[in-house]
Amino acid sequence: MKKSLKIVLVAVGVIIVAGLLLLVFKGNIARHYFDQGSTALEANDYEAAAGYFEKSITWNSASPSTWVMLGRAEAGKGNTEQALNNYQQAVSLGDSLPEAHYYSGLAYLDQDKYETALQEFNTAVTMDSTYAAAYFQRGITKANLGDLEGSVADYQLSLQYNKNNIEAYQQSVDAKEQLADFAGAIRDYDKIIELSPNNLEAFKQRGFFKMELKDYKGAIQDFDRAIALNNNDAMSYYHRAVSYSNLHDFDKALTDYSAAIKNDSKLDKAFYNRALVYLNTQQYDKAIVDLKSSISIKPTAKAYNLLGTARAIKGDYKGSISEFASALKMDSTLDEAWYSKGVSEGMLGNHKNAIVDYNKAIELKKNYAEAYYNRGISKVNLYGSNSGCTDFRKALELKYQPAQKMINMYCR
């Protein structure tokens, strides 16, 4: 009897040991496939990774992390719904991994299901309040939902736990630009440049935001750095030229507009803005040439209007009327073109046409003092001395002082 009991105990012991060995064996095999899958996933070999994780699950189906990794592999293959099923399976095994909710959020974000994605990211950061990537993606989600201020707050939380994430700073910049928080965007670019000192786009964009704040000297310094990094970048020369123009340093502006055009001969706005500088410096023929170039690249109402102005300054009123007409054909709401066309018509003695043009200008811009004044002059020329008085008085009411002289002359 004792011998038999001994045999039974030994047998039980063997079974227990065998069971333990099997568990260890199964765990080792599952870990082996998991590691292989992780290596394949890191190499973006999603097909192979999925195969390895499936084999790992065959040996150990109770591992939430393996289900998450399988979901990531399926997502990499483009199987978003299958990925979501895998993440949900991970959650069903105890909901201990914030990663399951994080990657679920990414999947829903990929499907443009922003509200559901937001819920998943909320859960992820509730489970792990230092989860930088989850805050970052939640910021993107909030931006897509129109909550720009909330998105900025999340990017800052993300950066609190991962200070070297340039993409988080960049997303923050994009949101702040939409909020017109240019000073905040500049601060973000300060950090980007600190992390990436040779970041050409960062210098260009920071310079642009400084222009928005009318810090033209600061903008020029940034464009200087951008040009030092790439002296063939047309837009850096262009924006530096705009900055110089705003500082009335027209010689440097002309040099930079010319450099921009040299590097991009199709940059219509460089021709247009160089023409503005030529007009400011009374180089009217050069302005006309540049405006023709701008129009040949990209016809715009404002370019035709400015070309009309340049021709009128040169005394070519007939030519200017043609240019103003082209501008108005493209944009009939351009009150300045109606006004300027009226002036040219008046200079040619076509006062009826001029009055029609001034009427349109005033219809579009109710307080257009100069239009009232010049309409008054055309009325005097057509109908006699008292006919323009109402318009002269309206112009004076709008603080256009030359009207007082006309009132003194014709309205006593």
Protein backbone atom coordinates (compact mmCIF):
# COMPACT_ATOMS: atom_id res chain seq x y z
CA MET A 1 0.00 0.00 0.00
CA LYS A 2 2.80 2.41 0.89
CA LYS A 3 4.62 1.47 -2.27
CA SER A 4 1.54 2.21 -4.36
CA LEU A 5 1.04 5.61 -2.68
CA LYS A 6 4.62 6.45 -3.41
CA ILE A 7 4.18 5.62 -7.06
CA VAL A 8 1.06 7.80 -7.24
CA LEU A 9 2.84 10.74 -5.58
CA VAL A 10 5.78 10.42 -7.94
CA ALA A 11 3.41 10.30 -10.91
CA VAL A 12 1.60 13.42 -9.74
CA GLY A 13 4.90 15.18 -9.24
CA VAL A 14 6.00 14.26 -12.72
CA ILE A 15 2.75 15.59 -14.17
CA ILE A 16 3.10 18.87 -12.27
CA VAL A 17 6.71 19.30 -13.34
CA ALA A 18 5.77 18.43 -16.92
CA GLY A 19 2.98 20.99 -16.81
CA LEU A 20 5.29 23.65 -15.50
CA LEU A 21 7.87 22.80 -18.12
CA LEU A 22 5.20 23.00 -20.81
CA LEU A 23 4.12 26.43 -19.56
CA VAL A 24 7.70 27.64 -19.60
CA PHE A 25 8.20 26.07 -23.02
CA LYS A 26 5.04 27.71 -24.40
CA GLY A 27 6.03 31.05 -22.87
CA ASN A 28 9.47 30.86 -24.41
CA ILE A 29 8.04 30.06 -27.84
CA ALA A 30 5.49 32.88 -27.53
CA ARG A 31 8.26 35.29 -26.52
CA HIS A 32 10.44 34.09 -29.41
CA TYR A 33 7.74 34.87 -31.98
CA PHE A 34 6.90 38.13 -30.21
CA ASP A 35 10.51 39.29 -30.46
CA GLN A 36 10.68 38.33 -34.14
CA GLY A 37 7.45 40.18 -34.77
CA SER A 38 8.76 43.25 -32.98
CA THR A 39 11.89 43.25 -35.14
CA ALA A 40 9.81 42.94 -38.32
CA LEU A 41 7.45 45.69 -37.17
CA GLU A 42 10.37 48.01 -36.49
CA ALA A 43 11.55 47.34 -40.05
CA ASN A 44 8.04 48.16 -41.36
CA ASP A 45 7.65 44.59 -42.63
CA TYR A 46 4.03 44.45 -41.55
CA GLU A 47 3.13 41.21 -43.30
CA ALA A 48 5.91 39.28 -41.59
CA ALA A 49 5.24 41.02 -38.26
CA ALA A 50 1.57 40.01 -38.35
CA GLY A 51 2.55 36.40 -39.03
CA TYR A 52 4.92 36.29 -36.08
CA PHE A 53 2.44 37.88 -33.67
CA GLU A 54 -0.26 35.44 -34.76
CA LYS A 55 2.11 32.56 -34.00
CA SER A 56 2.93 34.11 -30.63
CA ILE A 57 -0.78 34.32 -29.83
CA THR A 58 -1.18 30.64 -30.78
CA TRP A 59 1.15 29.83 -27.88
CA ASN A 60 -0.12 32.54 -25.54
CA SER A 61 -3.47 34.15 -26.37
CA ALA A 62 -3.72 35.93 -23.02
CA SER A 63 -1.02 38.54 -23.71
CA PRO A 64 -2.59 42.03 -24.18
CA SER A 65 0.68 43.45 -25.50
CA THR A 66 0.83 40.85 -28.27
CA TRP A 67 -2.70 41.71 -29.38
CA VAL A 68 -1.70 45.39 -29.47
CA MET A 69 1.37 44.59 -31.55
CA LEU A 70 -0.71 42.46 -33.93
CA GLY A 71 -3.09 45.41 -34.26
CA ARG A 72 -0.20 47.70 -35.16
CA ALA A 73 0.95 45.24 -37.82
CA GLU A 74 -2.56 45.04 -39.28
CA ALA A 75 -2.80 48.83 -39.25
CA GLY A 76 0.50 48.96 -41.14
CA LYS A 77 -1.04 46.62 -43.74
CA GLY A 78 -3.99 48.98 -44.08
CA ASN A 79 -6.43 46.68 -42.27
CA THR A 80 -7.81 49.32 -39.89
CA GLU A 81 -10.92 47.38 -38.83
CA GLN A 82 -8.90 44.26 -38.07
CA ALA A 83 -6.44 46.39 -36.10
CA LEU A 84 -9.31 47.78 -34.03
CA ASN A 85 -10.54 44.25 -33.33
CA ASN A 86 -7.08 43.36 -32.05
CA TYR A 87 -6.90 46.42 -29.81
CA GLN A 88 -10.34 45.60 -28.39
CA GLN A 89 -9.17 42.06 -27.70
CA ALA A 90 -6.24 43.51 -25.74
CA VAL A 91 -8.64 45.67 -23.72
CA SER A 92 -10.87 42.64 -23.00
CA LEU A 93 -7.93 40.89 -21.34
CA GLY A 94 -7.91 43.34 -18.44
CA ASP A 95 -7.61 46.83 -19.93
CA SER A 96 -4.18 47.34 -18.40
CA LEU A 97 -2.43 48.88 -21.38
CA PRO A 98 -2.89 52.57 -22.27
CA GLU A 99 -1.25 51.64 -25.59
CA ALA A 100 -4.38 49.71 -26.58
CA HIS A 101 -6.40 52.91 -26.34
CA TYR A 102 -3.68 55.01 -27.92
CA TYR A 103 -3.47 52.85 -31.03
CA SER A 104 -7.25 52.57 -31.16
CA GLY A 105 -7.29 56.36 -31.20
CA LEU A 106 -4.84 56.38 -34.11
CA ALA A 107 -7.05 53.94 -36.03
CA TYR A 108 -10.16 56.05 -35.49
CA LEU A 109 -8.17 59.15 -36.42
CA ASP A 110 -7.20 57.41 -39.66
CA GLN A 111 -10.92 56.90 -40.33
CA ASP A 112 -11.69 60.57 -39.56
CA LYS A 113 -13.79 59.48 -36.57
CA TYR A 114 -12.51 62.31 -34.44
CA GLU A 115 -14.96 62.12 -31.54
CA THR A 116 -14.28 58.41 -31.01
CA ALA A 117 -10.55 58.97 -31.38
CA LEU A 118 -10.74 61.70 -28.76
CA GLN A 119 -12.39 59.32 -26.30
CA GLU A 120 -9.60 56.76 -26.80
CA PHE A 121 -6.83 59.32 -26.31
CA ASN A 122 -8.62 60.63 -23.21
CA THR A 123 -8.57 57.11 -21.77
CA ALA A 124 -4.90 56.64 -22.68
CA VAL A 125 -3.79 59.80 -20.84
CA THR A 126 -6.06 58.99 -17.90
CA MET A 127 -4.26 55.65 -17.56
CA ASP A 128 -0.84 57.25 -18.08
CA SER A 129 -0.69 60.98 -17.39
CA THR A 130 2.84 61.19 -18.85
CA TYR A 131 1.92 59.66 -22.22
CA ALA A 132 3.50 62.28 -24.53
CA ALA A 133 2.46 60.63 -27.81
CA ALA A 134 -1.17 60.40 -26.66
CA TYR A 135 -1.29 64.09 -25.78
CA PHE A 136 0.25 64.88 -29.17
CA GLN A 137 -2.31 62.84 -31.11
CA ARG A 138 -5.12 64.20 -28.97
CA GLY A 139 -3.92 67.67 -29.97
CA ILE A 140 -4.19 66.73 -33.65
CA THR A 141 -7.65 65.31 -33.02
CA LYS A 142 -8.82 68.48 -31.28
CA ALA A 143 -7.46 70.58 -34.16
CA ASN A 144 -9.52 68.49 -36.57
CA LEU A 145 -12.56 69.12 -34.37
CA GLY A 146 -11.92 72.87 -34.50
CA ASP A 147 -10.72 73.16 -30.90
CA LEU A 148 -7.48 74.97 -31.71
CA GLU A 149 -6.85 76.29 -28.21
CA GLY A 150 -7.35 72.78 -26.81
CA SER A 151 -4.96 71.38 -29.39
CA VAL A 152 -2.27 73.91 -28.42
CA ALA A 153 -2.69 72.95 -24.75
CA ASP A 154 -2.22 69.27 -25.62
CA TYR A 155 0.89 69.94 -27.70
CA GLN A 156 2.35 71.74 -24.69
CA LEU A 157 1.51 68.76 -22.46
CA SER A 158 3.17 66.45 -24.96
CA LEU A 159 6.27 68.63 -24.98
CA GLN A 160 6.31 68.64 -21.19
CA TYR A 161 7.11 64.92 -21.35
CA ASN A 162 9.05 64.91 -24.63
CA LYS A 163 10.87 68.21 -25.09
CA ASN A 164 12.60 67.15 -28.30
CA ASN A 165 9.50 66.48 -30.42
CA ILE A 166 9.92 68.97 -33.27
CA GLU A 167 6.68 67.80 -34.86
CA ALA A 168 4.74 68.82 -31.73
CA TYR A 169 6.22 72.31 -31.94
CA GLN A 170 5.33 72.44 -35.64
CA GLN A 171 1.73 71.37 -35.04
CA SER A 172 1.54 73.98 -32.29
CA VAL A 173 2.76 76.59 -34.79
CA ASP A 174 0.07 75.60 -37.28
CA ALA A 175 -2.67 75.95 -34.68
CA LYS A 176 -1.31 79.26 -33.40
CA GLU A 177 -1.15 80.62 -36.94
CA GLN A 178 -4.87 79.90 -37.33
CA LEU A 179 -5.45 81.64 -34.00
CA ALA A 180 -3.36 84.60 -35.23
CA ASP A 181 -1.07 84.05 -32.24
CA PHE A 182 2.05 84.99 -34.17
CA ALA A 183 4.10 85.76 -31.06
CA GLY A 184 3.35 82.26 -29.75
CA ALA A 185 4.26 80.74 -33.11
CA ILE A 186 7.58 82.59 -33.00
CA ARG A 187 8.31 81.15 -29.55
CA ASP A 188 7.69 77.66 -30.93
CA TYR A 189 10.04 78.32 -33.82
CA ASP A 190 12.65 79.49 -31.31
CA LYS A 191 12.50 75.98 -29.81
CA ILE A 192 12.54 74.29 -33.22
CA ILE A 193 15.65 76.24 -34.20
CA GLU A 194 17.25 75.42 -30.86
CA LEU A 195 16.71 71.71 -31.65
CA SER A 196 17.51 72.04 -35.35
CA PRO A 197 19.89 74.98 -35.92
CA ASN A 198 20.04 74.53 -39.70
CA ASN A 199 16.29 74.25 -40.24
CA LEU A 200 15.73 76.40 -43.33
CA GLU A 201 11.93 76.35 -43.15
CA ALA A 202 11.97 77.36 -39.50
CA PHE A 203 13.97 80.51 -40.23
CA LYS A 204 11.73 81.35 -43.20
CA GLN A 205 8.50 80.86 -41.28
CA ARG A 206 9.72 82.65 -38.17
CA GLY A 207 10.72 85.56 -40.39
CA PHE A 208 7.26 85.53 -41.97
CA PHE A 209 5.56 85.69 -38.56
CA LYS A 210 7.83 88.55 -37.54
CA MET A 211 6.62 90.36 -40.67
CA GLU A 212 3.04 89.79 -39.50
CA LEU A 213 3.99 91.58 -36.26
CA LYS A 214 5.72 94.34 -38.27
CA ASP A 215 9.09 93.39 -36.80
CA TYR A 216 10.76 93.87 -40.16
CA LYS A 217 14.30 94.14 -38.78
CA GLY A 218 13.87 90.85 -36.93
CA ALA A 219 12.37 89.29 -40.05
CA ILE A 220 15.36 90.40 -42.13
CA GLN A 221 17.72 88.70 -39.65
CA ASP A 222 15.82 85.42 -40.08
CA PHE A 223 15.80 85.68 -43.87
CA ASP A 224 19.54 86.43 -43.70
CA ARG A 225 19.98 83.08 -41.92
CA ALA A 226 17.72 81.31 -44.40
CA ILE A 227 19.67 82.69 -47.36
CA ALA A 228 22.95 81.68 -45.69
CA LEU A 229 21.58 78.12 -45.58
CA ASN A 230 20.32 78.23 -49.17
CA ASN A 231 21.29 81.17 -51.34
CA ASN A 232 19.04 79.93 -54.16
CA ASP A 233 15.81 80.15 -52.19
CA ALA A 234 13.61 82.62 -54.06
CA MET A 235 11.02 83.04 -51.31
CA SER A 236 13.64 84.04 -48.73
CA TYR A 237 14.83 86.83 -51.03
CA TYR A 238 11.22 87.79 -51.77
CA HIS A 239 10.17 88.12 -48.13
CA ARG A 240 13.37 89.94 -47.21
CA ALA A 241 12.62 92.35 -50.05
CA VAL A 242 9.10 92.94 -48.68
CA SER A 243 10.63 93.65 -45.27
CA TYR A 244 13.10 96.12 -46.75
CA SER A 245 10.24 97.79 -48.66
CA ASN A 246 8.29 98.25 -45.45
CA LEU A 247 11.37 99.90 -43.95
CA HIS A 248 11.57 102.12 -47.07
CA ASP A 249 15.00 100.73 -47.89
CA PHE A 250 14.11 100.56 -51.56
CA ASP A 251 17.62 99.93 -52.92
CA LYS A 252 17.97 96.72 -50.90
CA ALA A 253 14.39 95.78 -51.72
CA LEU A 254 15.10 96.07 -55.44
CA THR A 255 18.25 93.96 -55.07
CA ASP A 256 16.34 91.21 -53.28
CA TYR A 257 13.36 91.23 -55.65
CA SER A 258 15.82 90.86 -58.51
CA ALA A 259 17.51 87.94 -56.70
CA ALA A 260 14.12 86.31 -56.13
CA ILE A 261 13.29 86.64 -59.84
CA LYS A 262 16.71 85.29 -60.81
CA ASN A 263 16.03 82.16 -58.76
CA ASP A 264 12.39 81.83 -59.84
CA SER A 265 11.52 83.58 -63.09
CA LYS A 266 7.85 82.61 -62.67
CA LEU A 267 7.42 84.35 -59.31
CA ASP A 268 4.71 86.79 -60.43
CA LYS A 269 4.42 88.54 -57.07
CA ALA A 270 8.12 89.41 -57.13
CA PHE A 271 7.60 91.26 -60.43
CA TYR A 272 4.47 92.92 -59.00
CA ASN A 273 6.17 94.06 -55.79
CA ARG A 274 9.30 95.23 -57.61
CA ALA A 275 6.96 97.33 -59.76
CA LEU A 276 5.57 98.89 -56.58
CA VAL A 277 9.09 99.89 -55.57
CA TYR A 278 9.75 101.32 -59.04
CA LEU A 279 6.56 103.39 -58.73
CA ASN A 280 7.67 104.62 -55.30
CA THR A 281 11.03 105.63 -56.76
CA GLN A 282 9.44 107.21 -59.87
CA GLN A 283 10.87 104.62 -62.26
CA TYR A 284 7.62 104.31 -64.16
CA ASP A 285 8.85 102.63 -67.34
CA LYS A 286 10.49 99.85 -65.31
CA ALA A 287 7.29 99.47 -63.30
CA ILE A 288 5.30 99.00 -66.51
CA VAL A 289 7.72 96.35 -67.76
CA ASP A 290 7.50 94.42 -64.48
CA LEU A 291 3.71 94.61 -64.36
CA LYS A 292 3.50 93.22 -67.89
CA SER A 293 5.76 90.36 -66.76
CA SER A 294 3.60 89.72 -63.71
CA ILE A 295 0.45 89.62 -65.85
CA SER A 296 2.05 87.31 -68.42
CA ILE A 297 2.77 84.81 -65.63
CA LYS A 298 -0.48 85.21 -63.71
CA PRO A 299 -3.09 87.76 -64.79
CA THR A 300 -4.73 89.39 -61.76
CA ALA A 301 -7.10 92.32 -61.31
CA LYS A 302 -4.71 94.10 -58.97
CA ALA A 303 -1.83 93.83 -61.48
CA TYR A 304 -3.96 95.28 -64.29
CA ASN A 305 -5.13 98.03 -61.91
CA LEU A 306 -1.56 98.95 -60.96
CA LEU A 307 -0.51 98.87 -64.62
CA GLY A 308 -3.36 101.28 -65.35
CA THR A 309 -2.10 103.54 -62.57
CA ALA A 310 1.44 103.48 -63.98
CA ARG A 311 0.19 104.37 -67.46
CA ALA A 312 -1.94 107.19 -66.06
CA ILE A 313 1.06 108.63 -64.20
CA LYS A 314 2.92 108.58 -67.52
CA GLY A 315 0.02 110.51 -69.13
CA ASP A 316 -1.19 107.56 -71.20
CA TYR A 317 -4.83 107.92 -70.15
CA LYS A 318 -6.25 105.96 -73.05
CA GLY A 319 -3.91 103.07 -72.30
CA SER A 320 -4.72 103.29 -68.60
CA ILE A 321 -8.47 103.05 -69.30
CA SER A 322 -7.84 99.80 -71.17
CA GLU A 323 -5.89 98.36 -68.24
CA PHE A 324 -8.53 99.42 -65.71
CA ALA A 325 -11.19 97.81 -67.89
CA SER A 326 -9.18 94.55 -67.88
CA ALA A 327 -8.95 94.72 -64.09
CA LEU A 328 -12.71 95.25 -63.79
CA LYS A 329 -13.44 92.42 -66.18
CA MET A 330 -11.64 90.14 -63.71
CA ASP A 331 -13.09 91.78 -60.58
CA SER A 332 -16.01 94.17 -60.96
CA THR A 333 -15.96 94.90 -57.21
CA LEU A 334 -12.59 96.65 -57.36
CA ASP A 335 -13.69 100.14 -56.30
CA GLU A 336 -10.21 101.61 -56.80
CA ALA A 337 -10.21 100.57 -60.47
CA TRP A 338 -13.59 102.23 -61.07
CA TYR A 339 -12.30 105.39 -59.43
CA SER A 340 -9.01 105.43 -61.34
CA LYS A 341 -10.77 104.72 -64.64
CA GLY A 342 -13.04 107.67 -63.87
CA VAL A 343 -10.03 109.93 -63.32
CA SER A 344 -8.52 108.90 -66.67
CA GLU A 345 -11.85 109.40 -68.45
CA GLY A 346 -12.07 112.86 -66.88
CA MET A 347 -8.53 113.71 -67.96
CA LEU A 348 -9.59 112.92 -71.55
CA GLY A 349 -12.70 115.08 -71.17
CA ASN A 350 -15.06 112.10 -71.13
CA HIS A 351 -16.99 113.37 -68.11
CA LYS A 352 -20.15 111.35 -68.70
CA ASN A 353 -18.09 108.16 -68.65
CA ALA A 354 -16.19 109.47 -65.64
CA ILE A 355 -19.40 110.07 -63.70
CA VAL A 356 -20.57 106.52 -64.46
CA ASP A 357 -17.27 105.19 -63.09
CA TYR A 358 -17.39 107.37 -59.97
CA ASN A 359 -20.96 106.21 -59.36
CA LYS A 360 -19.77 102.59 -59.37
CA ALA A 361 -16.85 103.40 -57.07
CA ILE A 362 -19.19 105.12 -54.57
CA GLU A 363 -21.69 102.29 -54.80
CA LEU A 364 -18.94 99.89 -53.73
CA LYS A 365 -17.35 102.22 -51.15
CA LYS A 366 -19.89 104.55 -49.57
CA ASN A 367 -17.36 106.88 -47.95
CA TYR A 368 -15.06 107.24 -50.96
CA ALA A 369 -14.18 110.93 -50.48
CA GLU A 370 -11.95 111.25 -53.54
CA ALA A 371 -14.66 109.77 -55.76
CA TYR A 372 -17.21 112.33 -54.52
CA TYR A 373 -14.69 115.10 -55.09
CA ASN A 374 -13.81 114.06 -58.65
CA ARG A 375 -17.45 113.35 -59.53
CA GLY A 376 -18.17 116.91 -58.46
CA ILE A 377 -15.48 118.19 -60.82
CA SER A 378 -16.92 116.17 -63.74
CA LYS A 379 -20.40 117.50 -62.96
CA VAL A 380 -19.09 121.07 -63.00
CA ASN A 381 -17.48 120.41 -66.37
CA LEU A 382 -20.72 118.97 -67.77
CA TYR A 383 -23.51 120.92 -66.11
CA GLY A 384 -22.09 124.14 -64.73
CA SER A 385 -20.64 125.59 -61.55
CA ASN A 386 -23.32 124.72 -58.98
CA SER A 387 -23.87 121.13 -60.08
CA GLY A 388 -20.97 119.67 -58.13
CA CYS A 389 -21.66 121.30 -54.78
CA THR A 390 -23.43 118.36 -53.16
CA ASP A 391 -20.46 116.12 -53.98
CA PHE A 392 -17.90 118.67 -52.82
CA ARG A 393 -19.69 119.07 -49.50
CA LYS A 394 -19.87 115.27 -49.05
CA ALA A 395 -16.14 115.01 -49.76
CA LEU A 396 -15.42 117.72 -47.17
CA GLU A 397 -17.68 115.95 -44.67
CA LEU A 398 -15.44 112.90 -45.21
CA LYS A 399 -12.39 115.05 -44.29
CA TYR A 400 -11.10 115.49 -47.86
CA GLN A 401 -9.75 119.04 -47.48
CA PRO A 402 -9.20 119.93 -51.20
CA ALA A 403 -13.00 120.00 -51.47
CA GLN A 404 -13.05 123.26 -49.47
CA LYS A 405 -11.36 125.08 -52.35
CA MET A 406 -14.00 123.83 -54.80
CA ILE A 407 -16.78 124.91 -52.43
CA ASN A 408 -15.21 128.36 -52.17
CA MET A 409 -15.01 128.59 -55.96
CA TYR A 410 -18.39 127.19 -57.03
CA CYS A 411 -20.77 126.95 -54.11
CA ARG A 412 -21.18 130.50 -52.78
